[in-house]
PDB file of N, CA and C in Angstrom:
ATOM      1  N   UNK A   1      24.088  15.561 -25.854  1.00  0.00           N
ATOM      2  CA  UNK A   1      22.914  15.798 -25.051  1.00  0.00           C
ATOM      3  C   UNK A   1      22.681  14.574 -24.153  1.00  0.00           C
ATOM      4  N   UNK A   2      22.233  14.832 -22.949  1.00  0.00           N
ATOM      5  CA  UNK A   2      21.951  13.780 -21.974  1.00  0.00           C
ATOM      6  C   UNK A   2      20.607  13.130 -22.272  1.00  0.00           C
ATOM      7  N   UNK A   3      20.598  11.814 -22.350  1.00  0.00           N
ATOM      8  CA  UNK A   3      19.353  11.099 -22.616  1.00  0.00           C
ATOM      9  C   UNK A   3      18.694  10.727 -21.284  1.00  0.00           C
ATOM     10  N   UNK A   4      17.444  11.123 -21.129  1.00  0.00           N
ATOM     11  CA  UNK A   4      16.685  10.817 -19.915  1.00  0.00           C
ATOM     12  C   UNK A   4      16.065   9.432 -20.077  1.00  0.00           C
ATOM     13  N   UNK A   5      16.312   8.538 -19.099  1.00  0.00           N
ATOM     14  CA  UNK A   5      15.725   7.201 -19.225  1.00  0.00           C
ATOM     15  C   UNK A   5      14.206   7.235 -19.129  1.00  0.00           C
ATOM     16  N   UNK A   6      13.587   6.277 -19.793  1.00  0.00           N
ATOM     17  CA  UNK A   6      12.129   6.169 -19.765  1.00  0.00           C
ATOM     18  C   UNK A   6      11.674   5.829 -18.340  1.00  0.00           C
ATOM     19  N   UNK A   7      10.597   6.447 -17.916  1.00  0.00           N
ATOM     20  CA  UNK A   7      10.057   6.212 -16.575  1.00  0.00           C
ATOM     21  C   UNK A   7       9.419   4.828 -16.510  1.00  0.00           C
ATOM     22  N   UNK A   8       9.810   4.062 -15.513  1.00  0.00           N
ATOM     23  CA  UNK A   8       9.253   2.728 -15.317  1.00  0.00           C
ATOM     24  C   UNK A   8       8.640   2.583 -13.926  1.00  0.00           C
ATOM     25  N   UNK A   9       8.283   3.702 -13.304  1.00  0.00           N
ATOM     26  CA  UNK A   9       7.741   3.675 -11.947  1.00  0.00           C
ATOM     27  C   UNK A   9       6.519   2.776 -11.843  1.00  0.00           C
ATOM     28  N   UNK A  10       5.621   2.895 -12.792  1.00  0.00           N
ATOM     29  CA  UNK A  10       4.409   2.075 -12.769  1.00  0.00           C
ATOM     30  C   UNK A  10       4.749   0.585 -12.805  1.00  0.00           C
ATOM     31  N   UNK A  11       5.685   0.212 -13.657  1.00  0.00           N
ATOM     32  CA  UNK A  11       6.110  -1.190 -13.735  1.00  0.00           C
ATOM     33  C   UNK A  11       6.765  -1.639 -12.434  1.00  0.00           C
ATOM     34  N   UNK A  12       7.602  -0.780 -11.859  1.00  0.00           N
ATOM     35  CA  UNK A  12       8.290  -1.119 -10.613  1.00  0.00           C
ATOM     36  C   UNK A  12       7.310  -1.304  -9.461  1.00  0.00           C
ATOM     37  N   UNK A  13       6.333  -0.412  -9.352  1.00  0.00           N
ATOM     38  CA  UNK A  13       5.328  -0.537  -8.293  1.00  0.00           C
ATOM     39  C   UNK A  13       4.455  -1.765  -8.515  1.00  0.00           C
ATOM     40  N   UNK A  14       4.116  -2.036  -9.753  1.00  0.00           N
ATOM     41  CA  UNK A  14       3.342  -3.235 -10.070  1.00  0.00           C
ATOM     42  C   UNK A  14       4.089  -4.503  -9.687  1.00  0.00           C
ATOM     43  N   UNK A  15       5.387  -4.509  -9.894  1.00  0.00           N
ATOM     44  CA  UNK A  15       6.212  -5.657  -9.532  1.00  0.00           C
ATOM     45  C   UNK A  15       6.222  -5.874  -8.017  1.00  0.00           C
ATOM     46  N   UNK A  16       6.315  -4.799  -7.256  1.00  0.00           N
ATOM     47  CA  UNK A  16       6.258  -4.917  -5.792  1.00  0.00           C
ATOM     48  C   UNK A  16       4.944  -5.541  -5.356  1.00  0.00           C
ATOM     49  N   UNK A  17       3.851  -5.106  -5.972  1.00  0.00           N
ATOM     50  CA  UNK A  17       2.532  -5.618  -5.600  1.00  0.00           C
ATOM     51  C   UNK A  17       2.390  -7.092  -5.983  1.00  0.00           C
ATOM     52  N   UNK A  18       2.775  -7.428  -7.195  1.00  0.00           N
ATOM     53  CA  UNK A  18       2.612  -8.809  -7.669  1.00  0.00           C
ATOM     54  C   UNK A  18       3.426  -9.803  -6.859  1.00  0.00           C
ATOM     55  N   UNK A  19       4.595  -9.403  -6.413  1.00  0.00           N
ATOM     56  CA  UNK A  19       5.476 -10.309  -5.667  1.00  0.00           C
ATOM     57  C   UNK A  19       5.287 -10.190  -4.156  1.00  0.00           C
ATOM     58  N   UNK A  20       4.453  -9.269  -3.715  1.00  0.00           N
ATOM     59  CA  UNK A  20       4.249  -9.011  -2.278  1.00  0.00           C
ATOM     60  C   UNK A  20       5.569  -8.724  -1.560  1.00  0.00           C
ATOM     61  N   UNK A  21       6.486  -8.061  -2.259  1.00  0.00           N
ATOM     62  CA  UNK A  21       7.789  -7.746  -1.665  1.00  0.00           C
ATOM     63  C   UNK A  21       7.678  -6.551  -0.733  1.00  0.00           C
ATOM     64  N   UNK A  22       8.271  -6.695   0.435  1.00  0.00           N
ATOM     65  CA  UNK A  22       8.396  -5.618   1.418  1.00  0.00           C
ATOM     66  C   UNK A  22       7.054  -5.094   1.917  1.00  0.00           C
ATOM     67  N   UNK A  23       6.019  -5.923   1.881  1.00  0.00           N
ATOM     68  CA  UNK A  23       4.721  -5.485   2.390  1.00  0.00           C
ATOM     69  C   UNK A  23       4.797  -5.305   3.899  1.00  0.00           C
ATOM     70  N   UNK A  24       3.994  -4.367   4.409  1.00  0.00           N
ATOM     71  CA  UNK A  24       3.995  -4.123   5.851  1.00  0.00           C
ATOM     72  C   UNK A  24       2.591  -4.064   6.444  1.00  0.00           C
ATOM     73  N   UNK A  25       1.590  -4.434   5.663  1.00  0.00           N
ATOM     74  CA  UNK A  25       0.229  -4.542   6.183  1.00  0.00           C
ATOM     75  C   UNK A  25      -0.591  -5.410   5.234  1.00  0.00           C
ATOM     76  N   UNK A  26      -1.784  -5.754   5.678  1.00  0.00           N
ATOM     77  CA  UNK A  26      -2.700  -6.546   4.860  1.00  0.00           C
ATOM     78  C   UNK A  26      -4.063  -5.888   4.850  1.00  0.00           C
ATOM     79  N   UNK A  27      -4.755  -5.991   3.726  1.00  0.00           N
ATOM     80  CA  UNK A  27      -6.144  -5.560   3.618  1.00  0.00           C
ATOM     81  C   UNK A  27      -6.992  -6.823   3.554  1.00  0.00           C
ATOM     82  N   UNK A  28      -8.070  -6.840   4.324  1.00  0.00           N
ATOM     83  CA  UNK A  28      -8.977  -7.986   4.339  1.00  0.00           C
ATOM     84  C   UNK A  28     -10.298  -7.556   3.718  1.00  0.00           C
ATOM     85  N   UNK A  29     -10.613  -8.154   2.577  1.00  0.00           N
ATOM     86  CA  UNK A  29     -11.814  -7.799   1.825  1.00  0.00           C
ATOM     87  C   UNK A  29     -12.555  -9.084   1.464  1.00  0.00           C
ATOM     88  N   UNK A  30     -13.793  -9.177   1.919  1.00  0.00           N
ATOM     89  CA  UNK A  30     -14.612 -10.340   1.573  1.00  0.00           C
ATOM     90  C   UNK A  30     -13.960 -11.666   1.904  1.00  0.00           C
ATOM     91  N   UNK A  31     -13.268 -11.725   3.026  1.00  0.00           N
ATOM     92  CA  UNK A  31     -12.622 -12.965   3.438  1.00  0.00           C
ATOM     93  C   UNK A  31     -11.286 -13.240   2.771  1.00  0.00           C
ATOM     94  N   UNK A  32     -10.836 -12.347   1.898  1.00  0.00           N
ATOM     95  CA  UNK A  32      -9.542 -12.510   1.231  1.00  0.00           C
ATOM     96  C   UNK A  32      -8.531 -11.534   1.815  1.00  0.00           C
ATOM     97  N   UNK A  33      -7.266 -11.947   1.829  1.00  0.00           N
ATOM     98  CA  UNK A  33      -6.181 -11.097   2.307  1.00  0.00           C
ATOM     99  C   UNK A  33      -5.377 -10.583   1.118  1.00  0.00           C
ATOM    100  N   UNK A  34      -5.113  -9.268   1.121  1.00  0.00           N
ATOM    101  CA  UNK A  34      -4.285  -8.638   0.104  1.00  0.00           C
ATOM    102  C   UNK A  34      -3.133  -7.939   0.810  1.00  0.00           C
ATOM    103  N   UNK A  35      -1.904  -8.359   0.516  1.00  0.00           N
ATOM    104  CA  UNK A  35      -0.721  -7.723   1.092  1.00  0.00           C
ATOM    105  C   UNK A  35      -0.575  -6.328   0.485  1.00  0.00           C
ATOM    106  N   UNK A  36      -0.113  -5.378   1.303  1.00  0.00           N
ATOM    107  CA  UNK A  36      -0.028  -3.990   0.833  1.00  0.00           C
ATOM    108  C   UNK A  36       1.148  -3.268   1.486  1.00  0.00           C
ATOM    109  N   UNK A  37       1.376  -2.049   1.019  1.00  0.00           N
ATOM    110  CA  UNK A  37       2.425  -1.175   1.543  1.00  0.00           C
ATOM    111  C   UNK A  37       1.752   0.061   2.138  1.00  0.00           C
ATOM    112  N   UNK A  38       1.946   0.287   3.428  1.00  0.00           N
ATOM    113  CA  UNK A  38       1.308   1.428   4.091  1.00  0.00           C
ATOM    114  C   UNK A  38       1.661   2.744   3.407  1.00  0.00           C
ATOM    115  N   UNK A  39       2.909   2.910   3.021  1.00  0.00           N
ATOM    116  CA  UNK A  39       3.329   4.181   2.425  1.00  0.00           C
ATOM    117  C   UNK A  39       2.597   4.459   1.112  1.00  0.00           C
ATOM    118  N   UNK A  40       2.376   3.430   0.310  1.00  0.00           N
ATOM    119  CA  UNK A  40       1.680   3.626  -0.963  1.00  0.00           C
ATOM    120  C   UNK A  40       0.197   3.875  -0.723  1.00  0.00           C
ATOM    121  N   UNK A  41      -0.412   3.106   0.188  1.00  0.00           N
ATOM    122  CA  UNK A  41      -1.816   3.345   0.522  1.00  0.00           C
ATOM    123  C   UNK A  41      -2.010   4.770   1.032  1.00  0.00           C
ATOM    124  N   UNK A  42      -1.120   5.212   1.920  1.00  0.00           N
ATOM    125  CA  UNK A  42      -1.231   6.556   2.496  1.00  0.00           C
ATOM    126  C   UNK A  42      -1.028   7.642   1.443  1.00  0.00           C
ATOM    127  N   UNK A  43      -0.117   7.414   0.508  1.00  0.00           N
ATOM    128  CA  UNK A  43       0.142   8.406  -0.541  1.00  0.00           C
ATOM    129  C   UNK A  43      -1.034   8.538  -1.500  1.00  0.00           C
ATOM    130  N   UNK A  44      -1.776   7.457  -1.690  1.00  0.00           N
ATOM    131  CA  UNK A  44      -2.860   7.452  -2.669  1.00  0.00           C
ATOM    132  C   UNK A  44      -4.240   7.697  -2.084  1.00  0.00           C
ATOM    133  N   UNK A  45      -4.373   7.629  -0.749  1.00  0.00           N
ATOM    134  CA  UNK A  45      -5.691   7.748  -0.134  1.00  0.00           C
ATOM    135  C   UNK A  45      -5.631   8.561   1.155  1.00  0.00           C
ATOM    136  N   UNK A  46      -6.391   9.659   1.231  1.00  0.00           N
ATOM    137  CA  UNK A  46      -6.410  10.437   2.471  1.00  0.00           C
ATOM    138  C   UNK A  46      -6.996   9.640   3.639  1.00  0.00           C
ATOM    139  N   UNK A  47      -7.867   8.691   3.350  1.00  0.00           N
ATOM    140  CA  UNK A  47      -8.445   7.861   4.415  1.00  0.00           C
ATOM    141  C   UNK A  47      -7.367   6.966   5.027  1.00  0.00           C
ATOM    142  N   UNK A  48      -6.611   6.269   4.179  1.00  0.00           N
ATOM    143  CA  UNK A  48      -5.533   5.426   4.699  1.00  0.00           C
ATOM    144  C   UNK A  48      -4.449   6.275   5.352  1.00  0.00           C
ATOM    145  N   UNK A  49      -4.158   7.429   4.786  1.00  0.00           N
ATOM    146  CA  UNK A  49      -3.168   8.318   5.384  1.00  0.00           C
ATOM    147  C   UNK A  49      -3.553   8.675   6.814  1.00  0.00           C
ATOM    148  N   UNK A  50      -4.808   9.031   7.019  1.00  0.00           N
ATOM    149  CA  UNK A  50      -5.280   9.372   8.367  1.00  0.00           C
ATOM    150  C   UNK A  50      -5.207   8.166   9.296  1.00  0.00           C
ATOM    151  N   UNK A  51      -5.575   6.991   8.789  1.00  0.00           N
ATOM    152  CA  UNK A  51      -5.518   5.772   9.608  1.00  0.00           C
ATOM    153  C   UNK A  51      -4.114   5.507  10.127  1.00  0.00           C
ATOM    154  N   UNK A  52      -3.139   5.618   9.240  1.00  0.00           N
ATOM    155  CA  UNK A  52      -1.774   5.258   9.597  1.00  0.00           C
ATOM    156  C   UNK A  52      -1.029   6.382  10.314  1.00  0.00           C
ATOM    157  N   UNK A  53      -1.387   7.622  10.044  1.00  0.00           N
ATOM    158  CA  UNK A  53      -0.673   8.757  10.621  1.00  0.00           C
ATOM    159  C   UNK A  53      -1.069   9.011  12.066  1.00  0.00           C
ATOM    160  N   UNK A  54      -2.336   8.890  12.353  1.00  0.00           N
ATOM    161  CA  UNK A  54      -2.825   9.180  13.692  1.00  0.00           C
ATOM    162  C   UNK A  54      -2.909   7.893  14.493  1.00  0.00           C
ATOM    163  N   UNK A  55      -3.093   8.014  15.759  1.00  0.00           N
ATOM    164  CA  UNK A  55      -3.126   6.849  16.633  1.00  0.00           C
ATOM    165  C   UNK A  55      -4.444   6.093  16.533  1.00  0.00           C
ATOM    166  N   UNK A  56      -4.842   5.794  15.319  1.00  0.00           N
ATOM    167  CA  UNK A  56      -6.046   4.999  15.115  1.00  0.00           C
ATOM    168  C   UNK A  56      -5.677   3.530  15.273  1.00  0.00           C
ATOM    169  N   UNK A  57      -6.661   2.719  15.536  1.00  0.00           N
ATOM    170  CA  UNK A  57      -6.435   1.286  15.763  1.00  0.00           C
ATOM    171  C   UNK A  57      -5.669   0.641  14.606  1.00  0.00           C
ATOM    172  N   UNK A  58      -5.950   1.064  13.374  1.00  0.00           N
ATOM    173  CA  UNK A  58      -5.299   0.473  12.199  1.00  0.00           C
ATOM    174  C   UNK A  58      -3.797   0.712  12.175  1.00  0.00           C
ATOM    175  N   UNK A  59      -3.338   1.821  12.750  1.00  0.00           N
ATOM    176  CA  UNK A  59      -1.903   2.103  12.727  1.00  0.00           C
ATOM    177  C   UNK A  59      -1.136   1.178  13.659  1.00  0.00           C
ATOM    178  N   UNK A  60      -1.823   0.572  14.598  1.00  0.00           N
ATOM    179  CA  UNK A  60      -1.181  -0.331  15.550  1.00  0.00           C
ATOM    180  C   UNK A  60      -1.183  -1.773  15.064  1.00  0.00           C
ATOM    181  N   UNK A  61      -2.047  -2.074  14.116  1.00  0.00           N
ATOM    182  CA  UNK A  61      -2.182  -3.441  13.614  1.00  0.00           C
ATOM    183  C   UNK A  61      -1.432  -3.609  12.301  1.00  0.00           C
ATOM    184  N   UNK A  62      -1.313  -4.850  11.894  1.00  0.00           N
ATOM    185  CA  UNK A  62      -0.718  -5.154  10.588  1.00  0.00           C
ATOM    186  C   UNK A  62      -1.793  -5.385   9.534  1.00  0.00           C
ATOM    187  N   UNK A  63      -3.080  -5.275   9.926  1.00  0.00           N
ATOM    188  CA  UNK A  63      -4.152  -5.539   8.977  1.00  0.00           C
ATOM    189  C   UNK A  63      -5.288  -4.553   9.108  1.00  0.00           C
ATOM    190  N   UNK A  64      -5.990  -4.332   7.994  1.00  0.00           N
ATOM    191  CA  UNK A  64      -7.120  -3.412   7.945  1.00  0.00           C
ATOM    192  C   UNK A  64      -8.279  -4.123   7.258  1.00  0.00           C
ATOM    193  N   UNK A  65      -9.438  -4.154   7.931  1.00  0.00           N
ATOM    194  CA  UNK A  65     -10.632  -4.707   7.303  1.00  0.00           C
ATOM    195  C   UNK A  65     -11.275  -3.655   6.414  1.00  0.00           C
ATOM    196  N   UNK A  66     -11.674  -4.041   5.209  1.00  0.00           N
ATOM    197  CA  UNK A  66     -12.282  -3.112   4.262  1.00  0.00           C
ATOM    198  C   UNK A  66     -13.654  -3.643   3.866  1.00  0.00           C
ATOM    199  N   UNK A  67     -14.656  -2.786   3.938  1.00  0.00           N
ATOM    200  CA  UNK A  67     -16.007  -3.178   3.537  1.00  0.00           C
ATOM    201  C   UNK A  67     -16.708  -3.998   4.596  1.00  0.00           C
ATOM    202  N   UNK A  68     -17.880  -4.539   4.224  1.00  0.00           N
ATOM    203  CA  UNK A  68     -18.708  -5.272   5.168  1.00  0.00           C
ATOM    204  C   UNK A  68     -18.485  -6.694   5.133  1.00  0.00           C
TER     205      UNK A  68
END
């Protein structure tokens, strides 16, 4: 029987975030910068998906301000 390997997607995505590997945008919150991946933000949030998919100002920039 074929053994299916244990899923480590969560660990792999966490590693990308912790090391800021292959980031392609930044989130600015309360004066702090957080490196991020547009594809992951878009997959997890319809708001970010709309920002990046359509010709909104955020899709043209490398950074997005969040909050006040």
